[in-house]
Amino acid sequence: MSSGEGFLVEARDAVLSFGQTPALQGANLSARAGEILAVTGPSGSGKSTLLHCLAGILAPDSGEIWFDGRRIDTQREPERSALRRDHFGFVFQFGQLVPELTAEENVALPLLLAKSRRASALAEARPWFGRLGLDGLEGRRSGELSGGQAQRVALARALVSRPRVLFADEPTGSLDSLTGEHVMDLLVASVREEGTTVILVTHEPRVAAFANREVIVRDGKATPLYVERLTP
């Protein structure tokens, strides 16, 4: 049995509890290759938990998680870790840059962890600074960057290894509306150019509007909103 036809990432009837607290209660979600899918819903609804299951960070208590025709929730942690390293990119609300590293080193980090030579990794990282309007900031550390700059560095770090799927959890949640819109414009342009699939968790309608499709999570269950937006 394989993942549904045309879907790159899929959750089937995912159930997960933390102790006695249910987080997912039979959640279903599917994303096609190259699309941007927004996962919305109120705080505590289970949307971030669902993202973490899709990314192989958490394994559901029951149900199935599929990526590219392979079931991943039954894989051992070393296999899921390699999957995250080689095929997935991540952007979180606060960027989570490594403060001891320069911006350039932060962007190159996934390549360095994949055993690329330092010079080669830095060479691959540098073009992203121009693409994301960060020229001249390569040598700065996270404490020397604005919130918007730090989040663009985090986006570059997520995309430098050309992942097949980008998981973005409230990527504009710590930014003002204008800066957040600018980051989303850059994110969408970058993933369209690379053909990356995006699973975007947000509670903000203006951010969800950047997606092709939207799924709303309530009480641990995901329901598609049947409004499919045209790809620009």
C-alpha atoms as a PDB file:
ATOM      1  CA  MET A   1       0.000   0.000   0.000  1.00  0.00           C
ATOM      2  CA  SER A   2       1.389   3.416  -0.902  1.00  0.00           C
ATOM      3  CA  SER A   3       0.540   7.038  -0.389  1.00  0.00           C
ATOM      4  CA  GLY A   4      -2.417   8.431  -2.297  1.00  0.00           C
ATOM      5  CA  GLU A   5      -1.852   9.143  -5.965  1.00  0.00           C
ATOM      6  CA  GLY A   6      -0.509  12.642  -6.569  1.00  0.00           C
ATOM      7  CA  PHE A   7       0.281  13.322  -2.915  1.00  0.00           C
ATOM      8  CA  LEU A   8       3.821  13.828  -1.682  1.00  0.00           C
ATOM      9  CA  VAL A   9       2.981  14.112   2.036  1.00  0.00           C
ATOM     10  CA  GLU A  10       0.021  12.516   3.758  1.00  0.00           C
ATOM     11  CA  ALA A  11      -1.416  11.883   7.212  1.00  0.00           C
ATOM     12  CA  ARG A  12      -4.096   9.203   7.530  1.00  0.00           C
ATOM     13  CA  ASP A  13      -6.279   9.028  10.619  1.00  0.00           C
ATOM     14  CA  ALA A  14      -3.430  10.265  12.838  1.00  0.00           C
ATOM     15  CA  VAL A  15      -4.112   9.945  16.570  1.00  0.00           C
ATOM     16  CA  LEU A  16      -1.735  11.242  19.221  1.00  0.00           C
ATOM     17  CA  SER A  17      -2.110  12.035  22.912  1.00  0.00           C
ATOM     18  CA  PHE A  18       0.256  13.574  25.415  1.00  0.00           C
ATOM     19  CA  GLY A  19      -0.521  11.614  28.552  1.00  0.00           C
ATOM     20  CA  GLN A  20      -4.266  11.914  29.045  1.00  0.00           C
ATOM     21  CA  THR A  21      -4.532  14.943  26.757  1.00  0.00           C
ATOM     22  CA  PRO A  22      -5.581  14.200  23.159  1.00  0.00           C
ATOM     23  CA  ALA A  23      -3.773  16.282  20.527  1.00  0.00           C
ATOM     24  CA  LEU A  24      -4.815  14.571  17.290  1.00  0.00           C
ATOM     25  CA  GLN A  25      -8.048  12.616  16.962  1.00  0.00           C
ATOM     26  CA  GLY A  26      -8.031  11.030  13.526  1.00  0.00           C
ATOM     27  CA  ALA A  27      -6.460  13.838  11.497  1.00  0.00           C
ATOM     28  CA  ASN A  28      -6.195  13.483   7.717  1.00  0.00           C
ATOM     29  CA  LEU A  29      -4.120  15.757   5.502  1.00  0.00           C
ATOM     30  CA  SER A  30      -2.551  15.471   2.047  1.00  0.00           C
ATOM     31  CA  ALA A  31      -0.238  17.798   0.128  1.00  0.00           C
ATOM     32  CA  ARG A  32       0.754  17.577  -3.515  1.00  0.00           C
ATOM     33  CA  ALA A  33       4.255  18.110  -4.817  1.00  0.00           C
ATOM     34  CA  GLY A  34       4.963  21.801  -5.367  1.00  0.00           C
ATOM     35  CA  GLU A  35       1.916  23.199  -3.586  1.00  0.00           C
ATOM     36  CA  ILE A  36       1.664  25.484  -0.582  1.00  0.00           C
ATOM     37  CA  LEU A  37      -0.801  24.132   1.965  1.00  0.00           C
ATOM     38  CA  ALA A  38      -1.904  26.290   4.898  1.00  0.00           C
ATOM     39  CA  VAL A  39      -2.884  24.520   8.126  1.00  0.00           C
ATOM     40  CA  THR A  40      -4.986  26.889  10.225  1.00  0.00           C
ATOM     41  CA  GLY A  41      -7.001  26.707  13.403  1.00  0.00           C
ATOM     42  CA  PRO A  42      -7.180  28.103  16.932  1.00  0.00           C
ATOM     43  CA  SER A  43      -4.382  27.762  19.475  1.00  0.00           C
ATOM     44  CA  GLY A  44      -4.278  24.286  20.976  1.00  0.00           C
ATOM     45  CA  SER A  45      -6.188  22.707  18.089  1.00  0.00           C
ATOM     46  CA  GLY A  46      -3.360  20.323  17.160  1.00  0.00           C
ATOM     47  CA  LYS A  47      -2.031  21.989  14.024  1.00  0.00           C
ATOM     48  CA  SER A  48       1.614  22.162  15.158  1.00  0.00           C
ATOM     49  CA  THR A  49       1.408  18.589  16.453  1.00  0.00           C
ATOM     50  CA  LEU A  50       0.138  17.495  13.036  1.00  0.00           C
ATOM     51  CA  LEU A  51       3.037  19.297  11.350  1.00  0.00           C
ATOM     52  CA  HIS A  52       5.519  17.562  13.668  1.00  0.00           C
ATOM     53  CA  CYS A  53       4.015  14.179  12.766  1.00  0.00           C
ATOM     54  CA  LEU A  54       4.199  14.931   9.036  1.00  0.00           C
ATOM     55  CA  ALA A  55       7.859  15.919   9.483  1.00  0.00           C
ATOM     56  CA  GLY A  56       8.737  12.748  11.341  1.00  0.00           C
ATOM     57  CA  ILE A  57       9.547  14.611  14.558  1.00  0.00           C
ATOM     58  CA  LEU A  58       6.694  12.875  16.367  1.00  0.00           C
ATOM     59  CA  ALA A  59       5.175   9.466  15.644  1.00  0.00           C
ATOM     60  CA  PRO A  60       1.410   9.143  16.089  1.00  0.00           C
ATOM     61  CA  ASP A  61      -0.047   6.589  18.496  1.00  0.00           C
ATOM     62  CA  SER A  62      -2.080   5.235  15.594  1.00  0.00           C
ATOM     63  CA  GLY A  63      -2.715   6.116  11.978  1.00  0.00           C
ATOM     64  CA  GLU A  64      -0.159   6.515   9.213  1.00  0.00           C
ATOM     65  CA  ILE A  65       2.249   9.178   7.911  1.00  0.00           C
ATOM     66  CA  TRP A  66       3.493   8.917   4.323  1.00  0.00           C
ATOM     67  CA  PHE A  67       6.182  10.723   2.341  1.00  0.00           C
ATOM     68  CA  ASP A  68       6.865  10.062  -1.337  1.00  0.00           C
ATOM     69  CA  GLY A  69       5.241   6.657  -1.296  1.00  0.00           C
ATOM     70  CA  ARG A  70       6.927   5.511   1.912  1.00  0.00           C
ATOM     71  CA  ARG A  71       5.336   5.126   5.310  1.00  0.00           C
ATOM     72  CA  ILE A  72       7.579   7.001   7.740  1.00  0.00           C
ATOM     73  CA  ASP A  73       5.849   6.736  11.132  1.00  0.00           C
ATOM     74  CA  THR A  74       7.027   3.120  11.445  1.00  0.00           C
ATOM     75  CA  GLN A  75      10.649   4.000  10.683  1.00  0.00           C
ATOM     76  CA  ARG A  76      13.239   4.106  13.438  1.00  0.00           C
ATOM     77  CA  GLU A  77      14.421   7.500  14.662  1.00  0.00           C
ATOM     78  CA  PRO A  78      17.792   7.360  12.800  1.00  0.00           C
ATOM     79  CA  GLU A  79      15.891   6.830   9.546  1.00  0.00           C
ATOM     80  CA  ARG A  80      13.493   9.680  10.275  1.00  0.00           C
ATOM     81  CA  SER A  81      16.418  11.907  11.269  1.00  0.00           C
ATOM     82  CA  ALA A  82      18.115  11.208   7.931  1.00  0.00           C
ATOM     83  CA  LEU A  83      14.837  11.979   6.158  1.00  0.00           C
ATOM     84  CA  ARG A  84      14.575  15.336   7.908  1.00  0.00           C
ATOM     85  CA  ARG A  85      18.203  16.130   7.105  1.00  0.00           C
ATOM     86  CA  ASP A  86      18.078  15.147   3.446  1.00  0.00           C
ATOM     87  CA  HIS A  87      14.556  16.044   2.304  1.00  0.00           C
ATOM     88  CA  PHE A  88      12.932  18.483   4.738  1.00  0.00           C
ATOM     89  CA  GLY A  89      13.515  22.110   5.682  1.00  0.00           C
ATOM     90  CA  PHE A  90      12.125  23.922   8.725  1.00  0.00           C
ATOM     91  CA  VAL A  91      11.230  27.520   9.620  1.00  0.00           C
ATOM     92  CA  PHE A  92       9.887  28.254  13.095  1.00  0.00           C
ATOM     93  CA  GLN A  93       8.289  31.319  14.673  1.00  0.00           C
ATOM     94  CA  PHE A  94      11.449  32.722  16.240  1.00  0.00           C
ATOM     95  CA  GLY A  95      13.962  31.581  13.627  1.00  0.00           C
ATOM     96  CA  GLN A  96      16.041  29.634  16.147  1.00  0.00           C
ATOM     97  CA  LEU A  97      19.376  30.729  14.731  1.00  0.00           C
ATOM     98  CA  VAL A  98      22.503  29.492  16.468  1.00  0.00           C
ATOM     99  CA  PRO A  99      23.720  32.654  18.267  1.00  0.00           C
ATOM    100  CA  GLU A 100      27.414  31.684  18.196  1.00  0.00           C
ATOM    101  CA  LEU A 101      27.425  31.431  14.393  1.00  0.00           C
ATOM    102  CA  THR A 102      27.413  34.182  11.801  1.00  0.00           C
ATOM    103  CA  ALA A 103      24.418  34.539   9.494  1.00  0.00           C
ATOM    104  CA  GLU A 104      26.415  32.913   6.717  1.00  0.00           C
ATOM    105  CA  GLU A 105      27.370  29.981   8.938  1.00  0.00           C
ATOM    106  CA  ASN A 106      23.748  29.581  10.061  1.00  0.00           C
ATOM    107  CA  VAL A 107      22.587  29.309   6.456  1.00  0.00           C
ATOM    108  CA  ALA A 108      25.341  26.788   5.669  1.00  0.00           C
ATOM    109  CA  LEU A 109      24.598  24.691   8.775  1.00  0.00           C
ATOM    110  CA  PRO A 110      22.385  22.025   7.099  1.00  0.00           C
ATOM    111  CA  LEU A 111      25.100  21.441   4.501  1.00  0.00           C
ATOM    112  CA  LEU A 112      27.782  21.209   7.163  1.00  0.00           C
ATOM    113  CA  LEU A 113      25.684  18.699   9.112  1.00  0.00           C
ATOM    114  CA  ALA A 114      25.384  16.687   5.897  1.00  0.00           C
ATOM    115  CA  LYS A 115      29.211  16.516   5.821  1.00  0.00           C
ATOM    116  CA  SER A 116      29.815  19.101   3.091  1.00  0.00           C
ATOM    117  CA  ARG A 117      33.205  20.777   3.188  1.00  0.00           C
ATOM    118  CA  ARG A 118      33.093  24.145   4.927  1.00  0.00           C
ATOM    119  CA  ALA A 119      34.246  26.132   1.891  1.00  0.00           C
ATOM    120  CA  SER A 120      31.691  24.430  -0.341  1.00  0.00           C
ATOM    121  CA  ALA A 121      28.868  24.902   2.163  1.00  0.00           C
ATOM    122  CA  LEU A 122      29.592  28.607   2.585  1.00  0.00           C
ATOM    123  CA  ALA A 123      29.790  29.053  -1.185  1.00  0.00           C
ATOM    124  CA  GLU A 124      26.318  27.534  -1.542  1.00  0.00           C
ATOM    125  CA  ALA A 125      24.976  29.691   1.285  1.00  0.00           C
ATOM    126  CA  ARG A 126      26.147  33.064  -0.048  1.00  0.00           C
ATOM    127  CA  PRO A 127      23.791  33.434  -3.058  1.00  0.00           C
ATOM    128  CA  TRP A 128      20.791  33.252  -0.730  1.00  0.00           C
ATOM    129  CA  PHE A 129      21.762  36.559   0.844  1.00  0.00           C
ATOM    130  CA  GLY A 130      21.226  38.341  -2.459  1.00  0.00           C
ATOM    131  CA  ARG A 131      18.035  36.439  -3.202  1.00  0.00           C
ATOM    132  CA  LEU A 132      16.489  37.392   0.145  1.00  0.00           C
ATOM    133  CA  GLY A 133      17.725  40.975   0.381  1.00  0.00           C
ATOM    134  CA  LEU A 134      20.397  40.245   2.977  1.00  0.00           C
ATOM    135  CA  ASP A 135      23.519  41.423   1.175  1.00  0.00           C
ATOM    136  CA  GLY A 136      26.162  42.673   3.603  1.00  0.00           C
ATOM    137  CA  LEU A 137      24.781  40.771   6.595  1.00  0.00           C
ATOM    138  CA  GLU A 138      26.748  37.559   6.080  1.00  0.00           C
ATOM    139  CA  GLY A 139      29.103  38.198   9.002  1.00  0.00           C
ATOM    140  CA  ARG A 140      26.512  39.318  11.554  1.00  0.00           C
ATOM    141  CA  ARG A 141      25.311  37.171  14.411  1.00  0.00           C
ATOM    142  CA  SER A 142      21.656  36.761  15.362  1.00  0.00           C
ATOM    143  CA  GLY A 143      21.814  39.469  18.033  1.00  0.00           C
ATOM    144  CA  GLU A 144      22.860  41.966  15.364  1.00  0.00           C
ATOM    145  CA  LEU A 145      19.896  41.243  13.079  1.00  0.00           C
ATOM    146  CA  SER A 146      16.363  42.643  13.113  1.00  0.00           C
ATOM    147  CA  GLY A 147      13.487  40.208  13.499  1.00  0.00           C
ATOM    148  CA  GLY A 148      12.745  40.274   9.788  1.00  0.00           C
ATOM    149  CA  GLN A 149      16.390  39.820   8.860  1.00  0.00           C
ATOM    150  CA  ALA A 150      16.776  36.886  11.249  1.00  0.00           C
ATOM    151  CA  GLN A 151      13.674  35.204   9.843  1.00  0.00           C
ATOM    152  CA  ARG A 152      14.986  35.616   6.284  1.00  0.00           C
ATOM    153  CA  VAL A 153      18.270  34.014   7.390  1.00  0.00           C
ATOM    154  CA  ALA A 154      16.215  31.157   8.857  1.00  0.00           C
ATOM    155  CA  LEU A 155      14.361  30.840   5.548  1.00  0.00           C
ATOM    156  CA  ALA A 156      17.648  30.708   3.640  1.00  0.00           C
ATOM    157  CA  ARG A 157      18.904  28.024   6.031  1.00  0.00           C
ATOM    158  CA  ALA A 158      15.733  25.997   5.415  1.00  0.00           C
ATOM    159  CA  LEU A 159      16.076  26.204   1.637  1.00  0.00           C
ATOM    160  CA  VAL A 160      19.846  26.006   1.090  1.00  0.00           C
ATOM    161  CA  SER A 161      19.818  22.214   0.822  1.00  0.00           C
ATOM    162  CA  ARG A 162      16.899  22.367  -1.632  1.00  0.00           C
ATOM    163  CA  PRO A 163      14.453  20.302   0.433  1.00  0.00           C
ATOM    164  CA  ARG A 164      11.460  18.658  -1.145  1.00  0.00           C
ATOM    165  CA  VAL A 165       9.218  19.843   1.693  1.00  0.00           C
ATOM    166  CA  LEU A 166       9.440  23.012   3.772  1.00  0.00           C
ATOM    167  CA  PHE A 167       7.616  22.900   7.115  1.00  0.00           C
ATOM    168  CA  ALA A 168       6.885  26.419   8.365  1.00  0.00           C
ATOM    169  CA  ASP A 169       5.369  26.794  11.845  1.00  0.00           C
ATOM    170  CA  GLU A 170       4.031  30.331  12.399  1.00  0.00           C
ATOM    171  CA  PRO A 171       6.920  31.803  10.359  1.00  0.00           C
ATOM    172  CA  THR A 172       5.614  35.372  10.738  1.00  0.00           C
ATOM    173  CA  GLY A 173       4.231  35.053  14.270  1.00  0.00           C
ATOM    174  CA  SER A 174       6.970  37.174  15.852  1.00  0.00           C
ATOM    175  CA  LEU A 175       6.968  39.857  13.135  1.00  0.00           C
ATOM    176  CA  ASP A 176       4.908  42.980  12.528  1.00  0.00           C
ATOM    177  CA  SER A 177       2.389  42.751   9.684  1.00  0.00           C
ATOM    178  CA  LEU A 178       4.476  44.600   7.073  1.00  0.00           C
ATOM    179  CA  THR A 179       7.649  42.616   7.791  1.00  0.00           C
ATOM    180  CA  GLY A 180       5.652  39.393   7.910  1.00  0.00           C
ATOM    181  CA  GLU A 181       4.153  40.074   4.499  1.00  0.00           C
ATOM    182  CA  HIS A 182       7.617  40.776   3.089  1.00  0.00           C
ATOM    183  CA  VAL A 183       8.946  37.480   4.491  1.00  0.00           C
ATOM    184  CA  MET A 184       5.976  35.591   3.020  1.00  0.00           C
ATOM    185  CA  ASP A 185       6.483  37.230  -0.385  1.00  0.00           C
ATOM    186  CA  LEU A 186      10.101  36.025  -0.342  1.00  0.00           C
ATOM    187  CA  LEU A 187       9.156  32.578   0.925  1.00  0.00           C
ATOM    188  CA  VAL A 188       6.562  32.065  -1.797  1.00  0.00           C
ATOM    189  CA  ALA A 189       8.857  33.340  -4.542  1.00  0.00           C
ATOM    190  CA  SER A 190      11.694  31.102  -3.376  1.00  0.00           C
ATOM    191  CA  VAL A 191       9.657  27.906  -3.089  1.00  0.00           C
ATOM    192  CA  ARG A 192       7.955  28.493  -6.423  1.00  0.00           C
ATOM    193  CA  GLU A 193      11.357  28.824  -8.037  1.00  0.00           C
ATOM    194  CA  GLU A 194      12.621  25.645  -6.365  1.00  0.00           C
ATOM    195  CA  GLY A 195       9.407  23.620  -6.747  1.00  0.00           C
ATOM    196  CA  THR A 196       9.258  23.008  -3.004  1.00  0.00           C
ATOM    197  CA  THR A 197       6.151  21.741  -1.243  1.00  0.00           C
ATOM    198  CA  VAL A 198       5.228  23.872   1.782  1.00  0.00           C
ATOM    199  CA  ILE A 199       3.186  22.891   4.840  1.00  0.00           C
ATOM    200  CA  LEU A 200       2.458  26.204   6.531  1.00  0.00           C
ATOM    201  CA  VAL A 201       0.973  26.369  10.029  1.00  0.00           C
ATOM    202  CA  THR A 202      -0.587  29.724  10.865  1.00  0.00           C
ATOM    203  CA  HIS A 203      -3.478  31.284  12.740  1.00  0.00           C
ATOM    204  CA  GLU A 204      -3.374  34.426  10.579  1.00  0.00           C
ATOM    205  CA  PRO A 205      -5.771  34.631   7.588  1.00  0.00           C
ATOM    206  CA  ARG A 206      -3.446  37.058   5.770  1.00  0.00           C
ATOM    207  CA  VAL A 207      -0.654  34.468   5.895  1.00  0.00           C
ATOM    208  CA  ALA A 208      -2.945  31.587   4.903  1.00  0.00           C
ATOM    209  CA  ALA A 209      -3.959  33.635   1.855  1.00  0.00           C
ATOM    210  CA  PHE A 210      -0.499  32.983   0.354  1.00  0.00           C
ATOM    211  CA  ALA A 211      -1.312  29.245   0.113  1.00  0.00           C
ATOM    212  CA  ASN A 212      -2.904  27.285  -2.727  1.00  0.00           C
ATOM    213  CA  ARG A 213      -5.160  25.355  -0.341  1.00  0.00           C
ATOM    214  CA  GLU A 214      -6.193  25.589   3.270  1.00  0.00           C
ATOM    215  CA  VAL A 215      -7.007  22.973   5.899  1.00  0.00           C
ATOM    216  CA  ILE A 216      -8.465  23.932   9.258  1.00  0.00           C
ATOM    217  CA  VAL A 217      -7.695  21.908  12.391  1.00  0.00           C
ATOM    218  CA  ARG A 218     -10.165  21.863  15.263  1.00  0.00           C
ATOM    219  CA  ASP A 219     -10.062  19.487  18.225  1.00  0.00           C
ATOM    220  CA  GLY A 220      -7.334  17.411  16.597  1.00  0.00           C
ATOM    221  CA  LYS A 221      -9.187  16.849  13.312  1.00  0.00           C
ATOM    222  CA  ALA A 222      -8.334  18.434   9.954  1.00  0.00           C
ATOM    223  CA  THR A 223     -11.041  19.613   7.578  1.00  0.00           C
ATOM    224  CA  PRO A 224     -10.222  20.965   4.105  1.00  0.00           C
ATOM    225  CA  LEU A 225     -11.620  24.330   3.105  1.00  0.00           C
ATOM    226  CA  TYR A 226     -12.809  23.931  -0.446  1.00  0.00           C
ATOM    227  CA  VAL A 227     -11.360  27.174  -1.745  1.00  0.00           C
ATOM    228  CA  GLU A 228      -8.431  26.381  -4.000  1.00  0.00           C
ATOM    229  CA  ARG A 229      -6.417  29.416  -4.955  1.00  0.00           C
ATOM    230  CA  LEU A 230      -4.742  29.787  -8.310  1.00  0.00           C
ATOM    231  CA  THR A 231      -0.962  29.562  -8.413  1.00  0.00           C
ATOM    232  CA  PRO A 232       0.497  32.972  -9.421  1.00  0.00           C
END
